[in-house]
Amino acid sequence: MGTYRSKPKVIEATQFKGIEEIPNGVFVETLFSDPADFGGGRWYSVYYVITIHGQKTYVQFGDWIITEQDGIRHYPCKPDIFEKTYEPVD
């Protein structure tokens, strides 16, 4: 078994800060809750991206939305992981 290092790569990413600034690639789905959950039900929104594998992956405020290599699909990354993995490019 050998030891390997990943190749450096440059990514495009935007932090999901809230509904006022929904990044490209983030979709909104409006749902109605089960009346048993909220005492009569209510409308709420969830946010998601579609990954390169075609999966719907939910995102939360503060997550970083990273653009896949194809330039079309995206995936979320939690802020603490993003900070440990990436640094700004000048």
N, C-alpha and C. Protein backbone atom coordinates (compact mmCIF):
# COMPACT_ATOMS: atom_id res chain seq x y z
N MET A 1 0.85 -1.17 0.00
CA MET A 1 0.00 0.00 0.00
C MET A 1 0.90 1.23 0.00
N GLY A 2 0.55 2.21 -0.86
CA GLY A 2 1.32 3.45 -0.93
C GLY A 2 0.61 4.59 -0.22
N THR A 3 1.30 5.73 -0.16
CA THR A 3 0.73 6.94 0.41
C THR A 3 0.52 7.93 -0.72
N TYR A 4 -0.64 8.58 -0.74
CA TYR A 4 -1.00 9.48 -1.83
C TYR A 4 -1.51 10.80 -1.29
N ARG A 5 -1.33 11.85 -2.08
CA ARG A 5 -1.85 13.18 -1.76
C ARG A 5 -2.78 13.59 -2.89
N SER A 6 -3.89 14.22 -2.54
CA SER A 6 -4.80 14.66 -3.60
C SER A 6 -4.19 15.83 -4.36
N LYS A 7 -4.50 15.89 -5.64
CA LYS A 7 -4.00 16.98 -6.48
C LYS A 7 -4.67 18.28 -6.08
N PRO A 8 -3.92 19.37 -6.11
CA PRO A 8 -4.56 20.66 -5.82
C PRO A 8 -5.60 20.99 -6.89
N LYS A 9 -6.69 21.57 -6.45
CA LYS A 9 -7.72 21.98 -7.40
C LYS A 9 -8.32 23.28 -6.93
N VAL A 10 -8.85 24.03 -7.86
CA VAL A 10 -9.52 25.29 -7.55
C VAL A 10 -11.01 25.04 -7.75
N ILE A 11 -11.81 25.48 -6.78
CA ILE A 11 -13.25 25.27 -6.86
C ILE A 11 -13.98 26.60 -6.87
N GLU A 12 -15.23 26.57 -7.31
CA GLU A 12 -16.13 27.71 -7.17
C GLU A 12 -17.10 27.37 -6.06
N ALA A 13 -17.31 28.31 -5.12
CA ALA A 13 -18.21 28.05 -4.01
C ALA A 13 -18.86 29.35 -3.56
N THR A 14 -20.07 29.23 -3.04
CA THR A 14 -20.82 30.35 -2.50
C THR A 14 -21.45 29.90 -1.19
N GLN A 15 -21.38 30.74 -0.17
CA GLN A 15 -22.01 30.38 1.10
C GLN A 15 -23.50 30.72 1.05
N PHE A 16 -24.33 29.78 1.50
CA PHE A 16 -25.77 29.94 1.53
C PHE A 16 -26.12 30.71 2.80
N LYS A 17 -26.42 32.00 2.65
CA LYS A 17 -26.62 32.87 3.80
C LYS A 17 -28.08 33.09 4.16
N GLY A 18 -28.98 32.75 3.28
CA GLY A 18 -30.39 32.93 3.60
C GLY A 18 -31.22 33.11 2.36
N ILE A 19 -32.51 33.27 2.56
CA ILE A 19 -33.42 33.30 1.43
C ILE A 19 -33.30 34.57 0.60
N GLU A 20 -32.64 35.61 1.14
CA GLU A 20 -32.46 36.83 0.37
C GLU A 20 -31.43 36.64 -0.75
N GLU A 21 -30.49 35.71 -0.53
CA GLU A 21 -29.42 35.47 -1.50
C GLU A 21 -29.32 33.97 -1.77
N ILE A 22 -30.18 33.44 -2.61
CA ILE A 22 -30.13 32.01 -2.91
C ILE A 22 -29.13 31.80 -4.04
N PRO A 23 -28.02 31.07 -3.77
CA PRO A 23 -26.99 30.87 -4.79
C PRO A 23 -27.49 30.08 -5.99
N ASN A 24 -26.84 30.27 -7.10
CA ASN A 24 -27.12 29.50 -8.30
C ASN A 24 -26.98 28.02 -7.98
N GLY A 25 -27.92 27.22 -8.41
CA GLY A 25 -27.87 25.78 -8.18
C GLY A 25 -28.65 25.31 -6.96
N VAL A 26 -29.15 26.25 -6.15
CA VAL A 26 -29.96 25.88 -4.98
C VAL A 26 -31.42 26.03 -5.36
N PHE A 27 -32.19 25.00 -5.08
CA PHE A 27 -33.61 24.98 -5.40
C PHE A 27 -34.43 25.06 -4.12
N VAL A 28 -35.65 25.56 -4.24
CA VAL A 28 -36.55 25.69 -3.10
C VAL A 28 -37.75 24.79 -3.33
N GLU A 29 -38.13 24.08 -2.29
CA GLU A 29 -39.32 23.24 -2.34
C GLU A 29 -40.21 23.64 -1.17
N THR A 30 -41.45 23.97 -1.43
CA THR A 30 -42.38 24.36 -0.38
C THR A 30 -43.24 23.16 -0.02
N LEU A 31 -43.28 22.86 1.26
CA LEU A 31 -44.00 21.69 1.74
C LEU A 31 -45.02 22.09 2.79
N PHE A 32 -46.00 21.23 3.01
CA PHE A 32 -46.98 21.44 4.07
C PHE A 32 -46.74 20.35 5.10
N SER A 33 -46.57 20.75 6.35
CA SER A 33 -46.24 19.79 7.39
C SER A 33 -47.46 18.95 7.78
N ASP A 34 -47.17 17.83 8.36
CA ASP A 34 -48.21 16.97 8.90
C ASP A 34 -48.90 17.72 10.03
N PRO A 35 -50.22 17.81 10.01
CA PRO A 35 -50.93 18.54 11.07
C PRO A 35 -50.58 18.05 12.48
N ALA A 36 -50.22 16.79 12.61
CA ALA A 36 -49.85 16.26 13.93
C ALA A 36 -48.53 16.85 14.42
N ASP A 37 -47.65 17.26 13.51
CA ASP A 37 -46.35 17.79 13.90
C ASP A 37 -46.44 19.21 14.45
N PHE A 38 -47.29 20.03 13.88
CA PHE A 38 -47.34 21.44 14.26
C PHE A 38 -48.73 21.88 14.70
N GLY A 39 -49.55 20.98 15.16
CA GLY A 39 -50.86 21.35 15.65
C GLY A 39 -51.72 22.04 14.59
N GLY A 40 -51.90 21.43 13.46
CA GLY A 40 -52.72 22.01 12.40
C GLY A 40 -51.98 22.16 11.10
N GLY A 41 -50.69 21.90 11.11
CA GLY A 41 -49.90 21.98 9.89
C GLY A 41 -49.52 23.40 9.53
N ARG A 42 -48.46 23.52 8.74
CA ARG A 42 -48.03 24.83 8.26
C ARG A 42 -47.15 24.64 7.04
N TRP A 43 -47.04 25.70 6.26
CA TRP A 43 -46.18 25.69 5.09
C TRP A 43 -44.74 26.03 5.50
N TYR A 44 -43.78 25.38 4.89
CA TYR A 44 -42.37 25.70 5.14
C TYR A 44 -41.57 25.38 3.88
N SER A 45 -40.39 25.94 3.80
CA SER A 45 -39.53 25.73 2.63
C SER A 45 -38.29 24.95 3.02
N VAL A 46 -37.85 24.10 2.11
CA VAL A 46 -36.58 23.40 2.26
C VAL A 46 -35.75 23.75 1.03
N TYR A 47 -34.45 23.69 1.18
CA TYR A 47 -33.52 24.09 0.13
C TYR A 47 -32.64 22.89 -0.20
N TYR A 48 -32.36 22.71 -1.49
CA TYR A 48 -31.56 21.55 -1.88
C TYR A 48 -30.77 21.85 -3.15
N VAL A 49 -29.77 21.00 -3.40
CA VAL A 49 -29.01 21.01 -4.64
C VAL A 49 -29.13 19.63 -5.26
N ILE A 50 -28.83 19.54 -6.54
CA ILE A 50 -28.78 18.25 -7.22
C ILE A 50 -27.31 17.94 -7.47
N THR A 51 -26.86 16.80 -6.94
CA THR A 51 -25.45 16.43 -7.06
C THR A 51 -25.15 15.85 -8.44
N ILE A 52 -23.88 15.61 -8.69
CA ILE A 52 -23.46 15.04 -9.98
C ILE A 52 -24.03 13.63 -10.17
N HIS A 53 -24.45 13.00 -9.07
CA HIS A 53 -25.05 11.66 -9.13
C HIS A 53 -26.57 11.72 -9.25
N GLY A 54 -27.11 12.95 -9.41
CA GLY A 54 -28.54 13.11 -9.58
C GLY A 54 -29.33 13.05 -8.29
N GLN A 55 -28.65 13.12 -7.15
CA GLN A 55 -29.33 13.05 -5.86
C GLN A 55 -29.75 14.43 -5.37
N LYS A 56 -30.91 14.51 -4.76
CA LYS A 56 -31.37 15.73 -4.12
C LYS A 56 -30.75 15.74 -2.72
N THR A 57 -29.93 16.76 -2.45
CA THR A 57 -29.25 16.87 -1.16
C THR A 57 -29.64 18.18 -0.51
N TYR A 58 -30.19 18.12 0.68
CA TYR A 58 -30.68 19.32 1.37
C TYR A 58 -29.53 20.15 1.91
N VAL A 59 -29.73 21.46 1.92
CA VAL A 59 -28.72 22.39 2.43
C VAL A 59 -29.36 23.24 3.53
N GLN A 60 -28.50 23.76 4.41
CA GLN A 60 -28.93 24.63 5.49
C GLN A 60 -28.21 25.96 5.37
N PHE A 61 -28.76 26.98 6.02
CA PHE A 61 -28.10 28.27 6.02
C PHE A 61 -26.70 28.10 6.60
N GLY A 62 -25.72 28.71 5.96
CA GLY A 62 -24.33 28.62 6.39
C GLY A 62 -23.52 27.60 5.61
N ASP A 63 -24.19 26.62 4.98
CA ASP A 63 -23.48 25.64 4.17
C ASP A 63 -22.83 26.33 2.97
N TRP A 64 -21.71 25.80 2.54
CA TRP A 64 -21.08 26.27 1.30
C TRP A 64 -21.61 25.41 0.17
N ILE A 65 -21.94 26.04 -0.96
CA ILE A 65 -22.43 25.33 -2.14
C ILE A 65 -21.28 25.30 -3.13
N ILE A 66 -20.76 24.11 -3.38
CA ILE A 66 -19.60 23.93 -4.25
C ILE A 66 -20.06 23.45 -5.61
N THR A 67 -19.56 24.08 -6.65
CA THR A 67 -19.90 23.70 -8.02
C THR A 67 -19.05 22.51 -8.44
N GLU A 68 -19.70 21.50 -8.99
CA GLU A 68 -18.99 20.30 -9.48
C GLU A 68 -18.16 20.65 -10.72
N GLN A 69 -17.30 19.74 -11.10
CA GLN A 69 -16.43 19.94 -12.25
C GLN A 69 -17.19 20.14 -13.55
N ASP A 70 -18.43 19.62 -13.62
CA ASP A 70 -19.22 19.78 -14.84
C ASP A 70 -19.79 21.19 -14.99
N GLY A 71 -19.69 22.00 -13.92
CA GLY A 71 -20.17 23.37 -13.96
C GLY A 71 -21.68 23.50 -13.83
N ILE A 72 -22.38 22.39 -13.70
CA ILE A 72 -23.85 22.40 -13.64
C ILE A 72 -24.36 21.94 -12.28
N ARG A 73 -23.81 20.87 -11.79
CA ARG A 73 -24.27 20.28 -10.53
C ARG A 73 -23.50 20.89 -9.36
N HIS A 74 -24.04 20.67 -8.14
CA HIS A 74 -23.46 21.26 -6.94
C HIS A 74 -23.53 20.27 -5.79
N TYR A 75 -22.76 20.54 -4.74
CA TYR A 75 -22.90 19.78 -3.51
C TYR A 75 -22.61 20.69 -2.32
N PRO A 76 -23.25 20.41 -1.17
CA PRO A 76 -23.05 21.25 0.00
C PRO A 76 -21.85 20.79 0.82
N CYS A 77 -21.30 21.74 1.57
CA CYS A 77 -20.19 21.45 2.48
C CYS A 77 -20.42 22.27 3.75
N LYS A 78 -20.35 21.62 4.91
CA LYS A 78 -20.53 22.32 6.18
C LYS A 78 -19.39 23.32 6.38
N PRO A 79 -19.68 24.46 7.02
CA PRO A 79 -18.68 25.52 7.17
C PRO A 79 -17.38 25.08 7.83
N ASP A 80 -17.44 24.24 8.87
CA ASP A 80 -16.21 23.82 9.54
C ASP A 80 -15.33 22.95 8.64
N ILE A 81 -15.94 22.09 7.86
CA ILE A 81 -15.18 21.26 6.91
C ILE A 81 -14.61 22.12 5.80
N PHE A 82 -15.40 23.07 5.29
CA PHE A 82 -14.95 23.95 4.23
C PHE A 82 -13.71 24.73 4.69
N GLU A 83 -13.75 25.26 5.91
CA GLU A 83 -12.64 26.05 6.43
C GLU A 83 -11.36 25.22 6.56
N LYS A 84 -11.50 23.94 6.93
CA LYS A 84 -10.33 23.07 7.07
C LYS A 84 -9.78 22.61 5.72
N THR A 85 -10.63 22.60 4.70
CA THR A 85 -10.25 22.02 3.41
C THR A 85 -9.81 23.05 2.38
N TYR A 86 -10.40 24.24 2.41
CA TYR A 86 -10.17 25.21 1.34
C TYR A 86 -9.65 26.53 1.91
N GLU A 87 -8.93 27.25 1.06
CA GLU A 87 -8.49 28.60 1.38
C GLU A 87 -8.71 29.48 0.17
N PRO A 88 -8.89 30.78 0.38
CA PRO A 88 -9.14 31.69 -0.76
C PRO A 88 -7.96 31.71 -1.74
N VAL A 89 -8.28 31.90 -3.00
CA VAL A 89 -7.27 32.05 -4.05
C VAL A 89 -7.19 33.51 -4.41
N ASP A 90 -5.98 34.04 -4.47
CA ASP A 90 -5.81 35.46 -4.81
C ASP A 90 -6.02 35.71 -6.29
